[in-house]
C-alpha atoms as a PDB file:
ATOM      1  CA  MET A   1       0.028   0.027   0.025  1.00  0.00           C
ATOM      2  CA  LYS A   2       2.881   2.346   0.779  1.00  0.00           C
ATOM      3  CA  SER A   3       4.209   1.628  -2.640  1.00  0.00           C
ATOM      4  CA  LEU A   4       0.975   2.406  -4.262  1.00  0.00           C
ATOM      5  CA  ILE A   5       0.446   5.704  -2.411  1.00  0.00           C
ATOM      6  CA  ARG A   6       4.209   6.879  -3.389  1.00  0.00           C
ATOM      7  CA  LEU A   7       3.561   5.839  -6.922  1.00  0.00           C
ATOM      8  CA  SER A   8       0.194   7.609  -7.170  1.00  0.00           C
ATOM      9  CA  ALA A   9       1.612  10.900  -5.459  1.00  0.00           C
ATOM     10  CA  VAL A  10       4.804  11.100  -7.473  1.00  0.00           C
ATOM     11  CA  LEU A  11       3.150  10.411 -10.832  1.00  0.00           C
ATOM     12  CA  LEU A  12      -0.026  12.707 -10.289  1.00  0.00           C
ATOM     13  CA  ALA A  13       2.320  15.498  -8.782  1.00  0.00           C
ATOM     14  CA  CYS A  14       4.344  15.560 -11.890  1.00  0.00           C
ATOM     15  CA  LEU A  15       1.440  16.122 -14.328  1.00  0.00           C
ATOM     16  CA  PRO A  16       0.752  19.813 -13.876  1.00  0.00           C
ATOM     17  CA  CYS A  17       4.467  20.489 -14.513  1.00  0.00           C
ATOM     18  CA  VAL A  18       4.286  18.390 -17.737  1.00  0.00           C
ATOM     19  CA  ALA A  19       1.186  19.902 -19.013  1.00  0.00           C
ATOM     20  CA  ALA A  20       2.566  23.466 -18.166  1.00  0.00           C
ATOM     21  CA  ALA A  21       5.599  22.559 -20.267  1.00  0.00           C
ATOM     22  CA  ALA A  22       3.574  22.518 -23.669  1.00  0.00           C
ATOM     23  CA  ASP A  23       4.004  26.322 -23.430  1.00  0.00           C
ATOM     24  CA  ALA A  24       7.726  26.238 -22.935  1.00  0.00           C
ATOM     25  CA  PRO A  25       9.792  27.931 -25.351  1.00  0.00           C
ATOM     26  CA  ALA A  26      10.956  26.027 -28.250  1.00  0.00           C
ATOM     27  CA  ALA A  27      14.480  26.761 -27.410  1.00  0.00           C
ATOM     28  CA  ALA A  28      14.381  24.421 -24.637  1.00  0.00           C
ATOM     29  CA  ASP A  29      14.796  21.326 -26.930  1.00  0.00           C
ATOM     30  CA  ASP A  30      16.611  22.974 -29.784  1.00  0.00           C
ATOM     31  CA  GLY A  31      18.712  20.407 -31.587  1.00  0.00           C
ATOM     32  CA  TYR A  32      17.118  17.546 -30.032  1.00  0.00           C
ATOM     33  CA  PRO A  33      17.758  14.805 -31.073  1.00  0.00           C
ATOM     34  CA  ASN A  34      21.151  15.457 -32.621  1.00  0.00           C
ATOM     35  CA  LYS A  35      22.590  11.879 -32.233  1.00  0.00           C
ATOM     36  CA  ALA A  36      21.162   8.381 -32.141  1.00  0.00           C
ATOM     37  CA  VAL A  37      18.485   7.565 -29.594  1.00  0.00           C
ATOM     38  CA  ARG A  38      18.412   4.270 -27.945  1.00  0.00           C
ATOM     39  CA  ILE A  39      14.894   2.698 -27.303  1.00  0.00           C
ATOM     40  CA  VAL A  40      15.590  -0.238 -24.783  1.00  0.00           C
ATOM     41  CA  VAL A  41      12.951  -3.245 -24.965  1.00  0.00           C
ATOM     42  CA  PRO A  42      13.380  -5.269 -21.823  1.00  0.00           C
ATOM     43  CA  PHE A  43      12.461  -8.451 -23.562  1.00  0.00           C
ATOM     44  CA  ALA A  44      13.904 -10.745 -26.272  1.00  0.00           C
ATOM     45  CA  ALA A  45      13.306  -9.816 -29.965  1.00  0.00           C
ATOM     46  CA  GLY A  46      10.148 -10.936 -31.710  1.00  0.00           C
ATOM     47  CA  GLY A  47       7.585 -10.291 -28.867  1.00  0.00           C
ATOM     48  CA  SER A  48       4.906  -7.955 -29.161  1.00  0.00           C
ATOM     49  CA  THR A  49       6.622  -5.021 -27.432  1.00  0.00           C
ATOM     50  CA  ASP A  50       9.658  -5.328 -29.487  1.00  0.00           C
ATOM     51  CA  VAL A  51       7.626  -5.420 -32.634  1.00  0.00           C
ATOM     52  CA  VAL A  52       5.789  -2.303 -31.590  1.00  0.00           C
ATOM     53  CA  ALA A  53       8.986  -0.575 -30.510  1.00  0.00           C
ATOM     54  CA  ARG A  54      10.615  -1.313 -33.825  1.00  0.00           C
ATOM     55  CA  ILE A  55       7.669   0.269 -35.813  1.00  0.00           C
ATOM     56  CA  VAL A  56       7.838   3.348 -33.741  1.00  0.00           C
ATOM     57  CA  ALA A  57      11.475   3.502 -33.758  1.00  0.00           C
ATOM     58  CA  GLU A  58      11.493   3.435 -37.682  1.00  0.00           C
ATOM     59  CA  LYS A  59       8.961   6.229 -37.807  1.00  0.00           C
ATOM     60  CA  LEU A  60      10.810   8.343 -35.227  1.00  0.00           C
ATOM     61  CA  ALA A  61      13.878   8.030 -37.260  1.00  0.00           C
ATOM     62  CA  GLN A  62      12.100   9.329 -40.292  1.00  0.00           C
ATOM     63  CA  GLN A  63      10.531  12.385 -38.501  1.00  0.00           C
ATOM     64  CA  PHE A  64      13.954  13.446 -36.710  1.00  0.00           C
ATOM     65  CA  LYS A  65      16.480  12.407 -39.236  1.00  0.00           C
ATOM     66  CA  GLN A  66      18.491  10.543 -36.631  1.00  0.00           C
ATOM     67  CA  PRO A  67      18.796   7.006 -35.619  1.00  0.00           C
ATOM     68  CA  PHE A  68      16.348   5.474 -33.164  1.00  0.00           C
ATOM     69  CA  LEU A  69      17.863   2.100 -32.245  1.00  0.00           C
ATOM     70  CA  VAL A  70      16.164  -0.825 -30.508  1.00  0.00           C
ATOM     71  CA  ASP A  71      18.358  -2.365 -27.751  1.00  0.00           C
ATOM     72  CA  ASN A  72      16.792  -5.687 -26.299  1.00  0.00           C
ATOM     73  CA  ARG A  73      17.803  -6.203 -22.852  1.00  0.00           C
ATOM     74  CA  ALA A  74      15.885  -9.053 -21.525  1.00  0.00           C
ATOM     75  CA  GLY A  75      15.946 -10.830 -18.299  1.00  0.00           C
ATOM     76  CA  ALA A  76      14.217 -10.759 -14.626  1.00  0.00           C
ATOM     77  CA  SER A  77      10.765 -10.143 -16.062  1.00  0.00           C
ATOM     78  CA  GLY A  78      12.050  -6.959 -17.652  1.00  0.00           C
ATOM     79  CA  ASN A  79      13.743  -5.534 -14.707  1.00  0.00           C
ATOM     80  CA  ILE A  80      17.131  -5.869 -16.277  1.00  0.00           C
ATOM     81  CA  GLY A  81      16.201  -3.325 -18.905  1.00  0.00           C
ATOM     82  CA  ALA A  82      14.298  -1.073 -16.905  1.00  0.00           C
ATOM     83  CA  GLU A  83      17.263  -0.775 -14.526  1.00  0.00           C
ATOM     84  CA  LEU A  84      19.634   0.028 -17.248  1.00  0.00           C
ATOM     85  CA  VAL A  85      17.320   3.064 -18.253  1.00  0.00           C
ATOM     86  CA  ALA A  86      16.754   4.063 -14.805  1.00  0.00           C
ATOM     87  CA  LYS A  87      20.293   4.529 -14.369  1.00  0.00           C
ATOM     88  CA  SER A  88      21.010   6.332 -17.630  1.00  0.00           C
ATOM     89  CA  PRO A  89      21.529   9.973 -18.166  1.00  0.00           C
ATOM     90  CA  ALA A  90      18.233  11.850 -18.204  1.00  0.00           C
ATOM     91  CA  ASP A  91      18.913  13.507 -21.624  1.00  0.00           C
ATOM     92  CA  GLY A  92      16.401  12.015 -23.887  1.00  0.00           C
ATOM     93  CA  TYR A  93      18.877   9.561 -25.528  1.00  0.00           C
ATOM     94  CA  THR A  94      18.052   6.472 -23.668  1.00  0.00           C
ATOM     95  CA  LEU A  95      14.344   5.488 -23.431  1.00  0.00           C
ATOM     96  CA  LEU A  96      12.409   2.593 -22.205  1.00  0.00           C
ATOM     97  CA  MET A  97       9.616   0.789 -24.131  1.00  0.00           C
ATOM     98  CA  GLY A  98       7.790  -0.388 -20.666  1.00  0.00           C
ATOM     99  CA  ALA A  99       5.087  -2.838 -20.491  1.00  0.00           C
ATOM    100  CA  THR A 100       2.294  -3.755 -17.985  1.00  0.00           C
ATOM    101  CA  GLY A 101       4.765  -5.896 -15.964  1.00  0.00           C
ATOM    102  CA  VAL A 102       7.622  -3.560 -15.729  1.00  0.00           C
ATOM    103  CA  LEU A 103       5.746  -0.515 -15.120  1.00  0.00           C
ATOM    104  CA  SER A 104       2.825  -1.666 -12.944  1.00  0.00           C
ATOM    105  CA  ILE A 105       3.228  -5.331 -11.729  1.00  0.00           C
ATOM    106  CA  ASN A 106       6.788  -6.159 -10.717  1.00  0.00           C
ATOM    107  CA  ASP A 107       6.970  -4.296  -7.707  1.00  0.00           C
ATOM    108  CA  HIS A 108       4.292  -6.501  -6.292  1.00  0.00           C
ATOM    109  CA  LEU A 109       6.100  -9.396  -7.237  1.00  0.00           C
ATOM    110  CA  TYR A 110       9.649  -8.883  -6.258  1.00  0.00           C
ATOM    111  CA  SER A 111      10.625  -8.078  -2.615  1.00  0.00           C
ATOM    112  CA  ARG A 112      13.829  -6.140  -3.958  1.00  0.00           C
ATOM    113  CA  MET A 113      13.483  -4.023  -6.925  1.00  0.00           C
ATOM    114  CA  SER A 114      16.475  -2.328  -8.612  1.00  0.00           C
ATOM    115  CA  TYR A 115      14.311   0.486  -9.743  1.00  0.00           C
ATOM    116  CA  ASP A 116      11.402   2.424  -8.637  1.00  0.00           C
ATOM    117  CA  VAL A 117       8.851   3.485 -11.462  1.00  0.00           C
ATOM    118  CA  ALA A 118       7.695   6.758  -9.424  1.00  0.00           C
ATOM    119  CA  ARG A 119      11.142   7.978  -8.594  1.00  0.00           C
ATOM    120  CA  ASP A 120      13.330   6.871 -11.661  1.00  0.00           C
ATOM    121  CA  PHE A 121      10.820   7.349 -14.795  1.00  0.00           C
ATOM    122  CA  VAL A 122       8.845  10.094 -16.263  1.00  0.00           C
ATOM    123  CA  PRO A 123       5.809   8.895 -18.693  1.00  0.00           C
ATOM    124  CA  VAL A 124       6.332  10.037 -22.082  1.00  0.00           C
ATOM    125  CA  SER A 125       3.669   8.123 -24.249  1.00  0.00           C
ATOM    126  CA  TYR A 126       1.005   5.557 -23.968  1.00  0.00           C
ATOM    127  CA  VAL A 127       1.746   3.603 -27.203  1.00  0.00           C
ATOM    128  CA  THR A 128      -0.490   0.595 -27.617  1.00  0.00           C
ATOM    129  CA  GLN A 129      -2.639  -1.934 -25.897  1.00  0.00           C
ATOM    130  CA  ASN A 130      -3.773  -5.302 -26.919  1.00  0.00           C
ATOM    131  CA  ALA A 131      -5.989  -8.034 -25.444  1.00  0.00           C
ATOM    132  CA  ASN A 132      -5.150 -11.566 -24.796  1.00  0.00           C
ATOM    133  CA  ILE A 133      -7.039 -14.462 -26.433  1.00  0.00           C
ATOM    134  CA  LEU A 134      -8.250 -17.190 -24.267  1.00  0.00           C
ATOM    135  CA  VAL A 135      -7.162 -20.019 -26.563  1.00  0.00           C
ATOM    136  CA  VAL A 136      -7.921 -23.959 -26.309  1.00  0.00           C
ATOM    137  CA  SER A 137      -7.078 -26.942 -28.424  1.00  0.00           C
ATOM    138  CA  PRO A 138      -9.910 -27.728 -30.952  1.00  0.00           C
ATOM    139  CA  SER A 139     -10.270 -31.077 -29.365  1.00  0.00           C
ATOM    140  CA  LEU A 140     -11.301 -29.719 -26.167  1.00  0.00           C
ATOM    141  CA  PRO A 141     -14.809 -30.302 -25.254  1.00  0.00           C
ATOM    142  CA  ALA A 142     -15.725 -26.790 -24.600  1.00  0.00           C
ATOM    143  CA  THR A 143     -16.709 -24.253 -27.157  1.00  0.00           C
ATOM    144  CA  THR A 144     -17.765 -21.258 -24.940  1.00  0.00           C
ATOM    145  CA  VAL A 145     -16.607 -19.790 -21.662  1.00  0.00           C
ATOM    146  CA  PRO A 146     -19.663 -21.124 -19.790  1.00  0.00           C
ATOM    147  CA  GLU A 147     -18.864 -24.649 -21.082  1.00  0.00           C
ATOM    148  CA  LEU A 148     -15.157 -24.291 -20.175  1.00  0.00           C
ATOM    149  CA  VAL A 149     -16.347 -23.104 -16.502  1.00  0.00           C
ATOM    150  CA  ALA A 150     -18.634 -25.941 -16.204  1.00  0.00           C
ATOM    151  CA  LEU A 151     -16.059 -28.312 -17.341  1.00  0.00           C
ATOM    152  CA  ALA A 152     -13.354 -26.939 -14.765  1.00  0.00           C
ATOM    153  CA  LYS A 153     -15.879 -27.098 -12.041  1.00  0.00           C
ATOM    154  CA  SER A 154     -16.706 -30.787 -12.840  1.00  0.00           C
ATOM    155  CA  LYS A 155     -12.917 -31.547 -12.633  1.00  0.00           C
ATOM    156  CA  PRO A 156     -11.460 -29.236 -10.211  1.00  0.00           C
ATOM    157  CA  GLY A 157      -7.656 -29.102 -10.327  1.00  0.00           C
ATOM    158  CA  THR A 158      -7.221 -31.104 -13.432  1.00  0.00           C
ATOM    159  CA  LEU A 159      -7.375 -28.572 -16.213  1.00  0.00           C
ATOM    160  CA  SER A 160      -4.373 -26.288 -16.741  1.00  0.00           C
ATOM    161  CA  PHE A 161      -3.435 -23.023 -18.160  1.00  0.00           C
ATOM    162  CA  ALA A 162      -0.135 -22.014 -19.615  1.00  0.00           C
ATOM    163  CA  SER A 163       1.488 -18.683 -19.249  1.00  0.00           C
ATOM    164  CA  SER A 164       4.696 -17.042 -20.596  1.00  0.00           C
ATOM    165  CA  GLY A 165       5.952 -16.978 -16.993  1.00  0.00           C
ATOM    166  CA  PRO A 166       4.921 -16.157 -13.316  1.00  0.00           C
ATOM    167  CA  GLY A 167       3.481 -12.532 -12.999  1.00  0.00           C
ATOM    168  CA  SER A 168       3.073 -11.999 -16.884  1.00  0.00           C
ATOM    169  CA  SER A 169      -0.059 -10.646 -18.309  1.00  0.00           C
ATOM    170  CA  THR A 170      -0.659 -14.302 -19.669  1.00  0.00           C
ATOM    171  CA  HIS A 171      -0.541 -15.522 -16.069  1.00  0.00           C
ATOM    172  CA  LEU A 172      -2.468 -12.719 -14.405  1.00  0.00           C
ATOM    173  CA  SER A 173      -5.320 -12.913 -16.995  1.00  0.00           C
ATOM    174  CA  GLY A 174      -5.771 -16.533 -15.810  1.00  0.00           C
ATOM    175  CA  GLU A 175      -5.521 -15.686 -12.160  1.00  0.00           C
ATOM    176  CA  LEU A 176      -8.209 -13.012 -12.682  1.00  0.00           C
ATOM    177  CA  PHE A 177     -10.374 -15.484 -14.584  1.00  0.00           C
ATOM    178  CA  LYS A 178      -9.865 -18.153 -11.852  1.00  0.00           C
ATOM    179  CA  SER A 179     -10.930 -15.478  -9.293  1.00  0.00           C
ATOM    180  CA  MET A 180     -14.045 -14.229 -11.012  1.00  0.00           C
ATOM    181  CA  SER A 181     -15.358 -17.576 -12.139  1.00  0.00           C
ATOM    182  CA  GLY A 182     -14.651 -19.646  -8.978  1.00  0.00           C
ATOM    183  CA  VAL A 183     -12.475 -22.417 -10.840  1.00  0.00           C
ATOM    184  CA  ASP A 184      -9.481 -24.386  -9.801  1.00  0.00           C
ATOM    185  CA  ILE A 185      -7.257 -24.456 -12.818  1.00  0.00           C
ATOM    186  CA  LEU A 186      -3.546 -25.319 -12.409  1.00  0.00           C
ATOM    187  CA  HIS A 187      -1.008 -22.672 -13.612  1.00  0.00           C
ATOM    188  CA  VAL A 188       1.853 -24.051 -15.671  1.00  0.00           C
ATOM    189  CA  PRO A 189       4.533 -21.280 -16.259  1.00  0.00           C
ATOM    190  CA  TYR A 190       6.835 -21.324 -19.315  1.00  0.00           C
ATOM    191  CA  LYS A 191       9.806 -19.273 -20.305  1.00  0.00           C
ATOM    192  CA  GLY A 192       7.947 -17.190 -22.980  1.00  0.00           C
ATOM    193  CA  SER A 193       4.943 -17.575 -24.926  1.00  0.00           C
ATOM    194  CA  SER A 194       6.348 -19.499 -27.871  1.00  0.00           C
ATOM    195  CA  SER A 195       7.046 -22.577 -25.602  1.00  0.00           C
ATOM    196  CA  ALA A 196       3.643 -22.346 -23.970  1.00  0.00           C
ATOM    197  CA  LEU A 197       1.893 -22.074 -27.314  1.00  0.00           C
ATOM    198  CA  THR A 198       3.993 -25.120 -28.435  1.00  0.00           C
ATOM    199  CA  ASP A 199       2.720 -27.431 -25.579  1.00  0.00           C
ATOM    200  CA  LEU A 200      -0.756 -26.121 -26.080  1.00  0.00           C
ATOM    201  CA  LEU A 201      -0.829 -27.113 -29.704  1.00  0.00           C
ATOM    202  CA  GLY A 202       0.688 -30.464 -28.651  1.00  0.00           C
ATOM    203  CA  GLY A 203      -2.020 -31.043 -25.832  1.00  0.00           C
ATOM    204  CA  GLN A 204       0.265 -30.785 -22.726  1.00  0.00           C
ATOM    205  CA  VAL A 205      -1.945 -27.797 -21.464  1.00  0.00           C
ATOM    206  CA  THR A 206      -5.647 -26.981 -21.476  1.00  0.00           C
ATOM    207  CA  MET A 207      -5.538 -23.352 -22.423  1.00  0.00           C
ATOM    208  CA  LEU A 208      -3.577 -20.072 -22.575  1.00  0.00           C
ATOM    209  CA  PHE A 209      -4.442 -16.568 -22.326  1.00  0.00           C
ATOM    210  CA  ASP A 210      -2.104 -15.502 -24.950  1.00  0.00           C
ATOM    211  CA  ASN A 211      -1.096 -11.945 -26.224  1.00  0.00           C
ATOM    212  CA  ALA A 212      -3.273 -11.553 -29.403  1.00  0.00           C
ATOM    213  CA  PRO A 213      -0.219 -10.775 -31.880  1.00  0.00           C
ATOM    214  CA  SER A 214       1.154 -14.231 -30.867  1.00  0.00           C
ATOM    215  CA  SER A 215      -1.848 -16.480 -31.115  1.00  0.00           C
ATOM    216  CA  ILE A 216      -4.297 -14.757 -33.537  1.00  0.00           C
ATOM    217  CA  GLY A 217      -2.589 -16.483 -36.493  1.00  0.00           C
ATOM    218  CA  PHE A 218      -3.216 -20.049 -35.189  1.00  0.00           C
ATOM    219  CA  VAL A 219      -6.792 -18.941 -34.466  1.00  0.00           C
ATOM    220  CA  GLN A 220      -7.226 -17.855 -38.126  1.00  0.00           C
ATOM    221  CA  GLN A 221      -5.580 -21.066 -39.386  1.00  0.00           C
ATOM    222  CA  GLY A 222      -7.979 -23.304 -37.306  1.00  0.00           C
ATOM    223  CA  LYS A 223      -5.106 -24.741 -35.278  1.00  0.00           C
ATOM    224  CA  LEU A 224      -6.472 -23.171 -31.863  1.00  0.00           C
ATOM    225  CA  ARG A 225     -10.024 -22.221 -31.027  1.00  0.00           C
ATOM    226  CA  ALA A 226     -10.591 -18.943 -29.379  1.00  0.00           C
ATOM    227  CA  LEU A 227     -13.366 -18.815 -26.722  1.00  0.00           C
ATOM    228  CA  ALA A 228     -13.011 -15.118 -25.860  1.00  0.00           C
ATOM    229  CA  VAL A 229     -10.823 -12.097 -25.844  1.00  0.00           C
ATOM    230  CA  THR A 230      -9.799 -10.268 -22.621  1.00  0.00           C
ATOM    231  CA  SER A 231     -10.674  -6.618 -23.747  1.00  0.00           C
ATOM    232  CA  ARG A 232     -13.815  -4.773 -23.252  1.00  0.00           C
ATOM    233  CA  LYS A 233     -14.555  -4.863 -26.921  1.00  0.00           C
ATOM    234  CA  ARG A 234     -14.114  -7.496 -29.679  1.00  0.00           C
ATOM    235  CA  LEU A 235     -10.893  -7.601 -31.942  1.00  0.00           C
ATOM    236  CA  PRO A 236     -11.283  -6.438 -35.603  1.00  0.00           C
ATOM    237  CA  GLY A 237      -9.350  -9.639 -36.485  1.00  0.00           C
ATOM    238  CA  LEU A 238     -11.631 -12.091 -34.606  1.00  0.00           C
ATOM    239  CA  PRO A 239     -15.122 -10.211 -34.927  1.00  0.00           C
ATOM    240  CA  ASN A 240     -17.091 -13.343 -34.093  1.00  0.00           C
ATOM    241  CA  VAL A 241     -15.076 -14.167 -30.914  1.00  0.00           C
ATOM    242  CA  PRO A 242     -16.824 -12.547 -27.706  1.00  0.00           C
ATOM    243  CA  THR A 243     -15.248 -10.932 -24.995  1.00  0.00           C
ATOM    244  CA  VAL A 244     -14.966 -12.493 -21.608  1.00  0.00           C
ATOM    245  CA  ASP A 245     -17.361  -9.929 -20.192  1.00  0.00           C
ATOM    246  CA  GLU A 246     -19.944 -10.748 -22.979  1.00  0.00           C
ATOM    247  CA  ALA A 247     -19.271 -14.483 -22.274  1.00  0.00           C
ATOM    248  CA  GLY A 248     -20.507 -14.244 -18.660  1.00  0.00           C
ATOM    249  CA  LEU A 249     -17.814 -12.871 -16.498  1.00  0.00           C
ATOM    250  CA  LYS A 250     -18.967  -9.295 -16.209  1.00  0.00           C
ATOM    251  CA  GLY A 251     -16.429  -6.544 -15.536  1.00  0.00           C
ATOM    252  CA  TYR A 252     -13.607  -8.862 -16.443  1.00  0.00           C
ATOM    253  CA  GLU A 253     -10.979  -6.957 -18.631  1.00  0.00           C
ATOM    254  CA  SER A 254      -7.192  -7.745 -18.786  1.00  0.00           C
ATOM    255  CA  LEU A 255      -4.979  -5.832 -21.357  1.00  0.00           C
ATOM    256  CA  SER A 256      -1.291  -5.850 -22.041  1.00  0.00           C
ATOM    257  CA  TRP A 257       0.013  -2.529 -22.985  1.00  0.00           C
ATOM    258  CA  CYS A 258       3.306  -0.838 -23.551  1.00  0.00           C
ATOM    259  CA  GLY A 259       4.490   2.729 -23.687  1.00  0.00           C
ATOM    260  CA  ILE A 260       7.632   4.907 -23.462  1.00  0.00           C
ATOM    261  CA  VAL A 261       9.244   6.297 -20.206  1.00  0.00           C
ATOM    262  CA  ALA A 262      12.328   8.229 -19.918  1.00  0.00           C
ATOM    263  CA  PRO A 263      14.898   8.711 -16.985  1.00  0.00           C
ATOM    264  CA  ALA A 264      13.445  10.934 -14.336  1.00  0.00           C
ATOM    265  CA  GLY A 265      14.861  14.523 -14.738  1.00  0.00           C
ATOM    266  CA  THR A 266      14.555  14.333 -18.627  1.00  0.00           C
ATOM    267  CA  PRO A 267      13.772  17.790 -19.727  1.00  0.00           C
ATOM    268  CA  ARG A 268      10.071  18.583 -20.066  1.00  0.00           C
ATOM    269  CA  ALA A 269      10.455  19.980 -23.439  1.00  0.00           C
ATOM    270  CA  VAL A 270      12.124  16.812 -24.740  1.00  0.00           C
ATOM    271  CA  VAL A 271       9.249  14.674 -23.166  1.00  0.00           C
ATOM    272  CA  LEU A 272       6.769  16.573 -25.036  1.00  0.00           C
ATOM    273  CA  LYS A 273       8.611  16.712 -28.162  1.00  0.00           C
ATOM    274  CA  LEU A 274       8.758  12.879 -28.304  1.00  0.00           C
ATOM    275  CA  ASN A 275       4.991  12.574 -27.075  1.00  0.00           C
ATOM    276  CA  ARG A 276       3.915  14.642 -29.905  1.00  0.00           C
ATOM    277  CA  ALA A 277       5.930  12.919 -32.517  1.00  0.00           C
ATOM    278  CA  ILE A 278       4.714   9.621 -31.357  1.00  0.00           C
ATOM    279  CA  ASP A 279       1.133  10.656 -31.464  1.00  0.00           C
ATOM    280  CA  ARG A 280       1.595  11.550 -34.963  1.00  0.00           C
ATOM    281  CA  ILE A 281       3.032   8.243 -35.945  1.00  0.00           C
ATOM    282  CA  LEU A 282       0.078   6.382 -34.168  1.00  0.00           C
ATOM    283  CA  ALA A 283      -2.441   8.623 -35.982  1.00  0.00           C
ATOM    284  CA  SER A 284      -0.948   7.767 -39.364  1.00  0.00           C
ATOM    285  CA  GLU A 285      -3.094   5.306 -41.330  1.00  0.00           C
ATOM    286  CA  GLU A 286      -0.138   3.180 -42.362  1.00  0.00           C
ATOM    287  CA  VAL A 287       0.896   2.575 -38.771  1.00  0.00           C
ATOM    288  CA  LYS A 288      -2.652   1.995 -37.459  1.00  0.00           C
ATOM    289  CA  ASP A 289      -3.260  -0.676 -40.273  1.00  0.00           C
ATOM    290  CA  LYS A 290       0.057  -2.365 -39.435  1.00  0.00           C
ATOM    291  CA  LEU A 291      -0.745  -2.536 -35.778  1.00  0.00           C
ATOM    292  CA  VAL A 292      -4.295  -3.694 -36.214  1.00  0.00           C
ATOM    293  CA  GLN A 293      -3.114  -6.470 -38.309  1.00  0.00           C
ATOM    294  CA  LEU A 294      -1.045  -7.644 -35.516  1.00  0.00           C
ATOM    295  CA  GLY A 295      -3.822  -7.532 -33.087  1.00  0.00           C
ATOM    296  CA  VAL A 296      -2.629  -4.242 -31.334  1.00  0.00           C
ATOM    297  CA  GLU A 297      -4.384  -1.156 -30.859  1.00  0.00           C
ATOM    298  CA  PRO A 298      -2.801   2.425 -31.072  1.00  0.00           C
ATOM    299  CA  VAL A 299      -3.668   4.571 -28.160  1.00  0.00           C
ATOM    300  CA  GLY A 300      -1.453   7.796 -27.894  1.00  0.00           C
ATOM    301  CA  GLY A 301      -2.363  10.699 -25.676  1.00  0.00           C
ATOM    302  CA  THR A 302      -0.710  12.975 -23.306  1.00  0.00           C
ATOM    303  CA  PRO A 303       1.768  11.890 -20.682  1.00  0.00           C
ATOM    304  CA  GLU A 304      -0.934  12.631 -18.213  1.00  0.00           C
ATOM    305  CA  VAL A 305      -2.862   9.720 -19.722  1.00  0.00           C
ATOM    306  CA  PHE A 306      -0.121   7.298 -19.380  1.00  0.00           C
ATOM    307  CA  ALA A 307       0.761   8.307 -15.841  1.00  0.00           C
ATOM    308  CA  ARG A 308      -2.961   7.488 -14.894  1.00  0.00           C
ATOM    309  CA  LEU A 309      -2.898   4.145 -16.613  1.00  0.00           C
ATOM    310  CA  ILE A 310       0.359   3.147 -14.734  1.00  0.00           C
ATOM    311  CA  GLN A 311      -1.287   4.171 -11.411  1.00  0.00           C
ATOM    312  CA  SER A 312      -4.595   2.363 -12.029  1.00  0.00           C
ATOM    313  CA  GLU A 313      -3.046  -0.793 -13.364  1.00  0.00           C
ATOM    314  CA  HIS A 314      -0.669  -0.871 -10.405  1.00  0.00           C
ATOM    315  CA  GLU A 315      -3.674  -1.017  -8.038  1.00  0.00           C
ATOM    316  CA  LYS A 316      -5.689  -3.433 -10.080  1.00  0.00           C
ATOM    317  CA  TRP A 317      -3.008  -5.914 -10.468  1.00  0.00           C
ATOM    318  CA  GLY A 318      -1.730  -5.554  -6.974  1.00  0.00           C
ATOM    319  CA  LYS A 319      -4.974  -6.947  -5.668  1.00  0.00           C
ATOM    320  CA  VAL A 320      -4.972  -9.921  -7.984  1.00  0.00           C
ATOM    321  CA  ILE A 321      -1.470 -10.807  -6.976  1.00  0.00           C
ATOM    322  CA  LYS A 322      -2.252 -10.460  -3.384  1.00  0.00           C
ATOM    323  CA  THR A 323      -5.442 -12.811  -3.565  1.00  0.00           C
ATOM    324  CA  ALA A 324      -3.504 -15.313  -5.616  1.00  0.00           C
ATOM    325  CA  ASN A 325      -0.550 -14.972  -3.150  1.00  0.00           C
ATOM    326  CA  ILE A 326       2.114 -14.764  -6.014  1.00  0.00           C
ATOM    327  CA  LYS A 327       5.703 -13.886  -4.989  1.00  0.00           C
ATOM    328  CA  LEU A 328       8.689 -14.492  -7.115  1.00  0.00           C
ATOM    329  CA  ASN A 329      11.376 -13.584  -4.394  1.00  0.00           C
END
């Protein structure tokens, strides 16, 4: 609770200053950027956060006529990459493409953290969000969420759900589902979504709440059955698949999201310059089409919007983690 209060207070306290900076003299960021900018992705190449970072980096490079380089620094559920950025100079030349876990979940999971979101970062831009898809093998005798819940209740502790790792969005989506539906389903953690998908396709686990960009292709090919999506609205790529809320668990929502933060102390004018540039990128039809095809929704908005998201998600998932008694160290 102390962590939440500190996070809320610091993030909200910085908002008026960031907003006021919109009218700061243009000279405050003259020449930025005048060299390569590094965007650290705290996960391995190929995942949804990495893909989004590369799309944004390419377009930022085109706008600013300077390289924007993606640097993958995976490990410790994103903490290694986040720590690197937290300790980098606050000059706008090292940025973090943070995600749900890194910015809102990990400090609930780890007793010792090498960075503090409220102290060490300033929000720049809420970039994208994407739903998870509840996918099962086509051979499973359950074609709807109510049928799955009924099957799980008839065989408590025998069905299983895979995840890309403890504390990941794929894990917490399952824990939220268990809590709201009252079922007993075994959690089987993997080291990444690809190995979890492999075992689901092979029949070793029952279900997976997978990030849409990773599994939507298997659903469209008929290799997996999608029972529901975890957002409040249906995915354009799967218009016939209901949301979990529509399927009977009212109020259920679990989103994966990513956004850019900078080291605390980064000049406000630089933050706002980056924010406006990213908003332009996300508003372009080319980028929107590319992201939607991946099952990702562009968001954008002010740094204030992103700060409020970080705060609300921190509170939400803290409650889920406490209820499920999840701790990584």
